[in-house]
């Protein structure tokens, strides 16, 4: 028996559907992927649905502003998509002579020296320290417009890589989408919100696993005390799995924080799901003996079958096609064990994956197009 045909997402008015089809056809560029055009058709269909549903003006403004914010953010980040970025969180109230401030500045200097870029909320305090250490060229600012107005720090103010968001949720989408690592310095409610949300998204498989580091001042106990709370009240009470502690590291050393982030990508590159299986892209594939050992040690994270080598799949659209793959039926409730598998894969190469210094210089030295330089986001009144 053949599977049922999925109903096409469209309006009940054939004449309106035809107009949408004509608009998409006229808007396409040469070589536009048909699947991309189909997604845009569905976006337009949703917009017309909202109008015909008599959606309130306030709700229409929310959807409209959110979509425009995301579109603008995607354009800003697009020229730098090949460079890894670390999101830095911490208090906007930290003074410039505080050890946390100096630590954030030093961390940003070190991680940019390793070839990374830095994303912050664009404010002062820890955010200003991190962007001061990173420098303007290697900085992104994702600012949030607040009733009491958060101005951008002097490093990122006026830069084309500064984005001003109206909504926290669109801002968080961009943080999660663009960050290849997360570092948290001491901060208030917002810092804890960002930290717990990052861990929740990783734990539930809603975002890729990335290194998460909680960085204290030298000899500090802000995050050490937080760690005691997590171990005592979350792990010991069975509210999280013991393996979930693999998702993050607590340290007071800039060198250890940088090593944790760099080490995560020593061999591991990225992952995605294809046809219900998780595909792990690595720089160096395991030997037969190493693969056998992985299957023995990490059988608990499999729904079925074994961890196998794989060639690039057609569904991956040519993404990093030069890299070897591993393929597995992953039990999505075992993300903590998956982090352990990634850590084990990172022990295999004799040398870490080479940095992208040449590509980084090429990106920074290539002039942006007029569209990419446009920093202003068109708002509704």
Protein backbone atom coordinates (compact mmCIF):
# COMPACT_ATOMS: atom_id res chain seq x y z
CA UNK A 1 0.00 0.00 0.00
CA UNK A 2 1.50 3.35 -1.05
CA UNK A 3 1.79 6.11 1.58
CA UNK A 4 -0.90 8.81 1.46
CA UNK A 5 -0.09 11.85 -0.64
CA UNK A 6 0.62 14.88 1.50
CA UNK A 7 -1.80 17.72 0.90
CA UNK A 8 -0.15 20.80 -0.54
CA UNK A 9 -0.11 23.86 1.70
CA UNK A 10 -2.14 26.47 -0.13
CA UNK A 11 -5.23 28.67 -0.05
CA UNK A 12 -8.73 27.56 -0.93
CA UNK A 13 -8.87 30.22 -3.64
CA UNK A 14 -7.27 28.92 -6.85
CA UNK A 15 -7.04 32.46 -8.25
CA UNK A 16 -4.99 33.63 -5.23
CA UNK A 17 -2.79 30.53 -5.40
CA UNK A 18 -2.07 31.31 -9.04
CA UNK A 19 -1.10 34.91 -8.20
CA UNK A 20 1.30 33.68 -5.52
CA UNK A 21 2.84 31.20 -7.96
CA UNK A 22 3.29 33.98 -10.54
CA UNK A 23 4.94 36.24 -7.95
CA UNK A 24 7.39 33.54 -6.87
CA UNK A 25 8.24 32.74 -10.49
CA UNK A 26 8.89 36.42 -11.22
CA UNK A 27 11.02 36.88 -8.09
CA UNK A 28 13.31 33.88 -8.61
CA UNK A 29 16.91 34.39 -9.62
CA UNK A 30 18.60 32.20 -12.20
CA UNK A 31 19.53 28.93 -10.54
CA UNK A 32 17.16 29.30 -7.57
CA UNK A 33 16.68 25.94 -5.89
CA UNK A 34 13.07 24.77 -6.48
CA UNK A 35 12.83 23.71 -2.83
CA UNK A 36 13.78 27.24 -1.74
CA UNK A 37 11.16 28.71 -4.05
CA UNK A 38 8.57 26.34 -2.57
CA UNK A 39 9.37 27.52 0.96
CA UNK A 40 8.95 31.16 -0.09
CA UNK A 41 5.62 30.23 -1.72
CA UNK A 42 4.51 28.82 1.62
CA UNK A 43 5.66 31.99 3.42
CA UNK A 44 3.51 34.11 1.11
CA UNK A 45 0.62 31.71 1.54
CA UNK A 46 0.89 32.06 5.31
CA UNK A 47 0.83 35.85 4.99
CA UNK A 48 -2.38 35.74 2.97
CA UNK A 49 -3.87 33.24 5.44
CA UNK A 50 -3.20 35.71 8.25
CA UNK A 51 -5.06 38.41 6.34
CA UNK A 52 -8.03 36.19 5.53
CA UNK A 53 -8.12 34.89 9.14
CA UNK A 54 -8.79 38.48 10.24
CA UNK A 55 -5.71 38.37 12.45
CA UNK A 56 -5.50 41.41 14.72
CA UNK A 57 -3.28 44.31 13.75
CA UNK A 58 -1.09 43.81 16.84
CA UNK A 59 -0.50 40.16 15.88
CA UNK A 60 0.24 41.11 12.29
CA UNK A 61 2.77 43.69 13.48
CA UNK A 62 4.47 41.05 15.66
CA UNK A 63 4.79 38.56 12.79
CA UNK A 64 5.86 41.24 10.34
CA UNK A 65 8.53 42.74 12.60
CA UNK A 66 9.88 39.33 13.60
CA UNK A 67 10.25 38.21 10.00
CA UNK A 68 11.93 41.48 8.99
CA UNK A 69 14.32 41.27 11.95
CA UNK A 70 15.33 37.71 11.07
CA UNK A 71 15.76 38.51 7.39
CA UNK A 72 18.01 41.45 8.25
CA UNK A 73 20.08 39.36 10.69
CA UNK A 74 20.57 36.61 8.12
CA UNK A 75 21.93 39.19 5.65
CA UNK A 76 24.34 40.63 8.21
CA UNK A 77 25.81 37.26 9.19
CA UNK A 78 25.86 35.74 5.70
CA UNK A 79 29.29 37.04 4.54
CA UNK A 80 30.90 35.48 7.63
CA UNK A 81 29.14 32.10 7.55
CA UNK A 82 32.40 30.17 7.14
CA UNK A 83 33.95 31.55 10.33
CA UNK A 84 33.20 30.10 13.75
CA UNK A 85 31.70 32.44 16.32
CA UNK A 86 31.45 32.38 20.11
CA UNK A 87 28.54 34.02 21.92
CA UNK A 88 29.60 35.78 25.13
CA UNK A 89 27.08 36.53 27.89
CA UNK A 90 27.49 38.38 31.18
CA UNK A 91 26.36 41.37 33.18
CA UNK A 92 26.04 44.80 31.56
CA UNK A 93 26.74 46.28 35.02
CA UNK A 94 30.27 44.93 35.50
CA UNK A 95 32.69 47.88 35.90
CA UNK A 96 35.80 48.13 33.75
CA UNK A 97 38.18 47.55 36.69
CA UNK A 98 36.47 44.34 37.86
CA UNK A 99 38.35 41.02 37.42
CA UNK A 100 35.39 39.61 35.43
CA UNK A 101 35.69 42.49 32.94
CA UNK A 102 39.42 42.00 32.53
CA UNK A 103 38.89 38.23 32.16
CA UNK A 104 36.26 38.75 29.43
CA UNK A 105 38.60 41.09 27.56
CA UNK A 106 41.45 38.58 27.77
CA UNK A 107 39.23 35.67 26.68
CA UNK A 108 38.03 37.55 23.60
CA UNK A 109 41.59 38.46 22.64
CA UNK A 110 42.65 34.80 22.86
CA UNK A 111 39.70 33.31 20.98
CA UNK A 112 40.00 35.86 18.14
CA UNK A 113 43.71 35.09 17.95
CA UNK A 114 42.64 31.47 17.39
CA UNK A 115 40.57 32.54 14.36
CA UNK A 116 37.12 33.02 15.88
CA UNK A 117 34.66 35.92 15.90
CA UNK A 118 32.71 37.15 18.94
CA UNK A 119 28.98 37.83 19.33
CA UNK A 120 27.60 39.76 22.31
CA UNK A 121 24.43 41.61 23.22
CA UNK A 122 26.29 44.82 22.29
CA UNK A 123 25.90 46.48 25.70
CA UNK A 124 28.47 47.59 28.24
CA UNK A 125 30.03 45.58 31.08
CA UNK A 126 31.04 42.05 30.07
CA UNK A 127 29.72 42.61 26.55
CA UNK A 128 31.81 45.73 26.07
CA UNK A 129 34.84 43.97 27.53
CA UNK A 130 34.50 41.02 25.13
CA UNK A 131 34.06 43.25 22.10
CA UNK A 132 36.94 45.44 23.19
CA UNK A 133 39.14 42.34 23.35
CA UNK A 134 37.86 41.00 20.04
CA UNK A 135 38.08 44.30 18.18
CA UNK A 136 35.53 45.81 15.84
CA UNK A 137 36.38 43.70 12.77
CA UNK A 138 35.82 40.39 14.62
CA UNK A 139 32.70 41.52 16.54
CA UNK A 140 28.96 41.15 16.08
CA UNK A 141 26.46 42.99 18.27
CA UNK A 142 22.88 41.74 18.71
CA UNK A 143 21.34 44.52 20.74
CA UNK A 144 17.85 44.52 22.26
CA UNK A 145 15.78 47.70 22.33
CA UNK A 146 14.55 48.21 25.90
CA UNK A 147 12.18 50.78 27.43
CA UNK A 148 15.18 52.23 29.29
CA UNK A 149 17.29 52.01 26.11
CA UNK A 150 20.44 49.88 25.96
CA UNK A 151 22.99 51.74 23.88
CA UNK A 152 25.63 49.82 21.98
CA UNK A 153 29.14 49.80 23.41
CA UNK A 154 31.79 51.96 21.75
CA UNK A 155 33.49 49.06 19.95
CA UNK A 156 30.45 47.97 17.94
CA UNK A 157 28.39 51.20 17.78
CA UNK A 158 27.78 52.24 14.19
CA UNK A 159 29.22 49.03 12.73
CA UNK A 160 27.38 47.17 9.96
CA UNK A 161 27.55 44.03 12.15
CA UNK A 162 25.38 45.64 14.86
CA UNK A 163 21.75 44.47 14.78
CA UNK A 164 19.03 46.05 16.92
CA UNK A 165 16.20 43.69 17.86
CA UNK A 166 12.74 44.52 19.14
CA UNK A 167 12.00 41.00 20.37
CA UNK A 168 14.00 38.78 22.68
CA UNK A 169 12.83 35.65 20.88
CA UNK A 170 14.17 36.69 17.46
CA UNK A 171 17.41 37.77 19.10
CA UNK A 172 17.71 34.36 20.78
CA UNK A 173 17.06 32.58 17.48
CA UNK A 174 20.03 34.42 15.99
CA UNK A 175 22.29 33.65 18.96
CA UNK A 176 21.46 29.94 18.73
CA UNK A 177 21.72 29.82 14.93
CA UNK A 178 25.06 31.63 14.67
CA UNK A 179 27.02 30.56 17.77
CA UNK A 180 29.44 27.63 17.52
CA UNK A 181 30.31 28.02 21.22
CA UNK A 182 28.91 29.84 24.26
CA UNK A 183 30.83 31.42 27.14
CA UNK A 184 29.09 32.85 30.19
CA UNK A 185 30.61 35.25 32.70
CA UNK A 186 28.88 36.21 35.96
CA UNK A 187 25.62 38.06 35.35
CA UNK A 188 22.01 38.50 36.41
CA UNK A 189 18.69 37.04 35.30
CA UNK A 190 19.45 37.47 31.60
CA UNK A 191 22.76 35.63 31.82
CA UNK A 192 21.19 32.70 33.67
CA UNK A 193 18.30 32.68 31.20
CA UNK A 194 20.72 32.44 28.26
CA UNK A 195 22.76 29.72 29.96
CA UNK A 196 19.84 27.51 30.94
CA UNK A 197 18.13 28.01 27.59
CA UNK A 198 21.29 26.98 25.71
CA UNK A 199 21.59 23.85 27.85
CA UNK A 200 17.88 23.07 27.42
CA UNK A 201 18.05 23.37 23.64
CA UNK A 202 21.10 21.10 23.52
CA UNK A 203 19.58 18.59 25.96
CA UNK A 204 16.33 18.36 23.98
CA UNK A 205 18.00 18.22 20.58
CA UNK A 206 16.51 21.52 19.44
CA UNK A 207 19.98 22.84 18.65
CA UNK A 208 23.31 21.29 17.78
CA UNK A 209 25.68 20.41 20.59
CA UNK A 210 28.22 23.21 21.03
CA UNK A 211 30.78 23.79 23.79
CA UNK A 212 29.33 25.77 26.71
CA UNK A 213 31.78 27.26 29.22
CA UNK A 214 31.00 29.07 32.50
CA UNK A 215 34.01 31.28 33.18
CA UNK A 216 34.73 32.65 36.66
CA UNK A 217 37.27 35.30 37.54
CA UNK A 218 40.59 33.77 38.69
CA UNK A 219 39.88 32.06 42.03
CA UNK A 220 36.20 33.05 41.81
CA UNK A 221 33.27 30.94 42.97
CA UNK A 222 30.25 32.47 41.18
CA UNK A 223 29.87 29.55 38.76
CA UNK A 224 31.42 27.06 41.20
CA UNK A 225 28.52 27.73 43.57
CA UNK A 226 26.11 27.42 40.64
CA UNK A 227 27.69 24.08 39.77
CA UNK A 228 27.18 22.85 43.34
CA UNK A 229 23.49 23.76 43.03
CA UNK A 230 23.14 21.90 39.71
CA UNK A 231 24.85 18.79 41.10
CA UNK A 232 22.92 18.78 44.37
CA UNK A 233 19.45 19.84 43.29
CA UNK A 234 19.26 18.71 39.66
CA UNK A 235 21.55 15.70 39.18
CA UNK A 236 21.25 14.03 42.58
CA UNK A 237 17.45 14.39 42.57
CA UNK A 238 17.27 12.83 39.10
CA UNK A 239 15.87 15.97 37.45
CA UNK A 240 18.57 15.73 34.76
CA UNK A 241 20.63 12.75 33.61
CA UNK A 242 24.19 12.43 34.95
CA UNK A 243 25.37 12.53 31.31
CA UNK A 244 23.83 15.99 30.91
CA UNK A 245 26.73 17.36 32.93
CA UNK A 246 28.84 16.68 29.81
CA UNK A 247 27.22 19.67 28.11
CA UNK A 248 29.26 22.32 29.91
CA UNK A 249 32.49 23.12 31.70
CA UNK A 250 33.14 25.43 34.66
CA UNK A 251 36.58 27.03 34.93
CA UNK A 252 38.34 30.19 36.05
CA UNK A 253 41.04 29.95 33.36
CA UNK A 254 40.94 31.72 30.00
CA UNK A 255 43.39 29.15 28.63
CA UNK A 256 41.14 26.25 29.70
CA UNK A 257 38.07 27.95 28.23
CA UNK A 258 39.79 28.45 24.87
CA UNK A 259 41.15 24.89 24.94
CA UNK A 260 37.65 23.52 25.62
CA UNK A 261 36.21 25.39 22.65
CA UNK A 262 39.07 24.63 20.28
CA UNK A 263 39.21 21.00 21.43
CA UNK A 264 35.54 20.46 20.61
CA UNK A 265 36.36 21.10 16.93
CA UNK A 266 39.69 19.26 16.92
CA UNK A 267 38.16 16.52 14.77
CA UNK A 268 34.38 17.04 14.94
CA UNK A 269 33.00 19.49 12.37
CA UNK A 270 29.19 19.47 12.38
CA UNK A 271 26.10 17.27 12.28
CA UNK A 272 22.63 17.03 10.82
CA UNK A 273 19.77 14.54 10.58
CA UNK A 274 19.06 12.84 7.26
CA UNK A 275 16.23 10.34 6.90
CA UNK A 276 15.96 9.79 10.64
CA UNK A 277 19.69 9.15 11.08
CA UNK A 278 22.25 11.46 12.64
CA UNK A 279 25.20 12.28 10.40
CA UNK A 280 28.42 13.37 12.12
CA UNK A 281 30.98 15.13 9.91
CA UNK A 282 34.60 14.71 11.04
CA UNK A 283 38.02 15.61 9.67
CA UNK A 284 39.53 12.18 10.33
CA UNK A 285 37.43 9.01 10.21
CA UNK A 286 38.00 6.36 12.90
CA UNK A 287 39.97 3.24 12.02
CA UNK A 288 38.25 -0.14 12.06
CA UNK A 289 39.50 -0.74 15.59
CA UNK A 290 38.42 2.70 16.80
CA UNK A 291 34.99 2.26 15.21
CA UNK A 292 34.55 -1.08 16.97
CA UNK A 293 35.51 0.53 20.29
CA UNK A 294 33.01 3.37 19.71
CA UNK A 295 30.20 0.89 19.09
CA UNK A 296 31.05 -0.94 22.28
CA UNK A 297 31.37 2.17 24.47
CA UNK A 298 28.46 4.17 23.07
CA UNK A 299 25.87 1.50 22.26
CA UNK A 300 23.61 3.15 24.84
CA UNK A 301 22.97 6.17 22.65
CA UNK A 302 21.68 4.09 19.72
CA UNK A 303 18.02 3.44 18.96
CA UNK A 304 19.08 0.51 16.80
CA UNK A 305 21.90 -0.68 14.59
CA UNK A 306 25.52 0.44 14.84
CA UNK A 307 27.70 3.48 14.31
CA UNK A 308 28.81 3.22 10.67
CA UNK A 309 31.00 5.14 8.25
CA UNK A 310 29.11 6.97 5.53
CA UNK A 311 29.74 8.81 2.31
CA UNK A 312 28.17 12.27 1.90
CA UNK A 313 24.45 11.89 1.23
CA UNK A 314 22.53 13.61 -1.56
CA UNK A 315 20.19 15.15 1.02
CA UNK A 316 23.12 17.10 2.50
CA UNK A 317 23.15 19.37 -0.57
CA UNK A 318 26.92 19.17 -0.95
CA UNK A 319 27.67 20.53 2.54
CA UNK A 320 31.38 19.98 3.36
CA UNK A 321 31.35 17.08 0.91
CA UNK A 322 35.10 16.51 1.36
CA UNK A 323 34.70 15.36 4.97
CA UNK A 324 34.16 11.76 6.08
CA UNK A 325 30.98 10.89 7.95
CA UNK A 326 29.60 8.65 10.66
CA UNK A 327 25.95 7.59 10.55
CA UNK A 328 23.84 6.31 13.45
CA UNK A 329 20.28 5.82 14.67
CA UNK A 330 20.54 8.21 17.60
CA UNK A 331 18.27 8.02 20.66
CA UNK A 332 17.44 11.70 20.99
CA UNK A 333 16.98 11.39 24.75
CA UNK A 334 20.70 10.58 25.06
CA UNK A 335 22.26 13.90 23.99
CA UNK A 336 24.62 13.81 26.98
CA UNK A 337 26.10 10.54 25.73
CA UNK A 338 26.40 12.04 22.24
CA UNK A 339 28.62 14.78 23.69
CA UNK A 340 30.77 11.97 25.10
CA UNK A 341 31.01 10.40 21.64
CA UNK A 342 32.10 13.73 20.13
CA UNK A 343 34.75 14.10 22.84
CA UNK A 344 36.04 10.62 22.01
CA UNK A 345 36.16 11.39 18.27
CA UNK A 346 38.26 14.44 19.07
CA UNK A 347 40.99 12.24 20.59
CA UNK A 348 41.65 10.39 17.31
CA UNK A 349 43.68 12.84 15.15
CA UNK A 350 47.39 13.29 15.83
CA UNK A 351 46.96 16.95 14.92
CA UNK A 352 43.89 19.20 15.25
CA UNK A 353 42.00 20.37 12.18
CA UNK A 354 43.91 23.28 10.58
CA UNK A 355 42.62 26.78 11.35
CA UNK A 356 40.94 28.76 8.60
CA UNK A 357 43.35 31.72 8.80
CA UNK A 358 43.65 32.17 5.03
CA UNK A 359 39.90 32.05 4.51
CA UNK A 360 39.42 34.41 7.46
CA UNK A 361 41.77 36.98 5.93
CA UNK A 362 40.01 36.62 2.57
CA UNK A 363 36.61 37.27 4.14
CA UNK A 364 37.77 40.31 6.11
CA UNK A 365 39.60 41.79 3.11
CA UNK A 366 36.72 41.36 0.65
CA UNK A 367 34.57 44.53 0.46
CA UNK A 368 30.95 44.03 1.42
CA UNK A 369 28.26 44.60 -1.15
CA UNK A 370 25.94 47.57 -0.76
CA UNK A 371 23.19 45.27 0.53
CA UNK A 372 25.50 43.73 3.12
CA UNK A 373 26.67 47.13 4.37
CA UNK A 374 23.12 48.33 4.90
CA UNK A 375 22.79 48.29 8.69
CA UNK A 376 19.41 49.92 9.20
CA UNK A 377 16.36 47.75 9.69
CA UNK A 378 13.07 49.11 8.38
CA UNK A 379 10.58 49.29 11.22
CA UNK A 380 6.87 49.84 11.50
CA UNK A 381 5.76 52.99 13.26
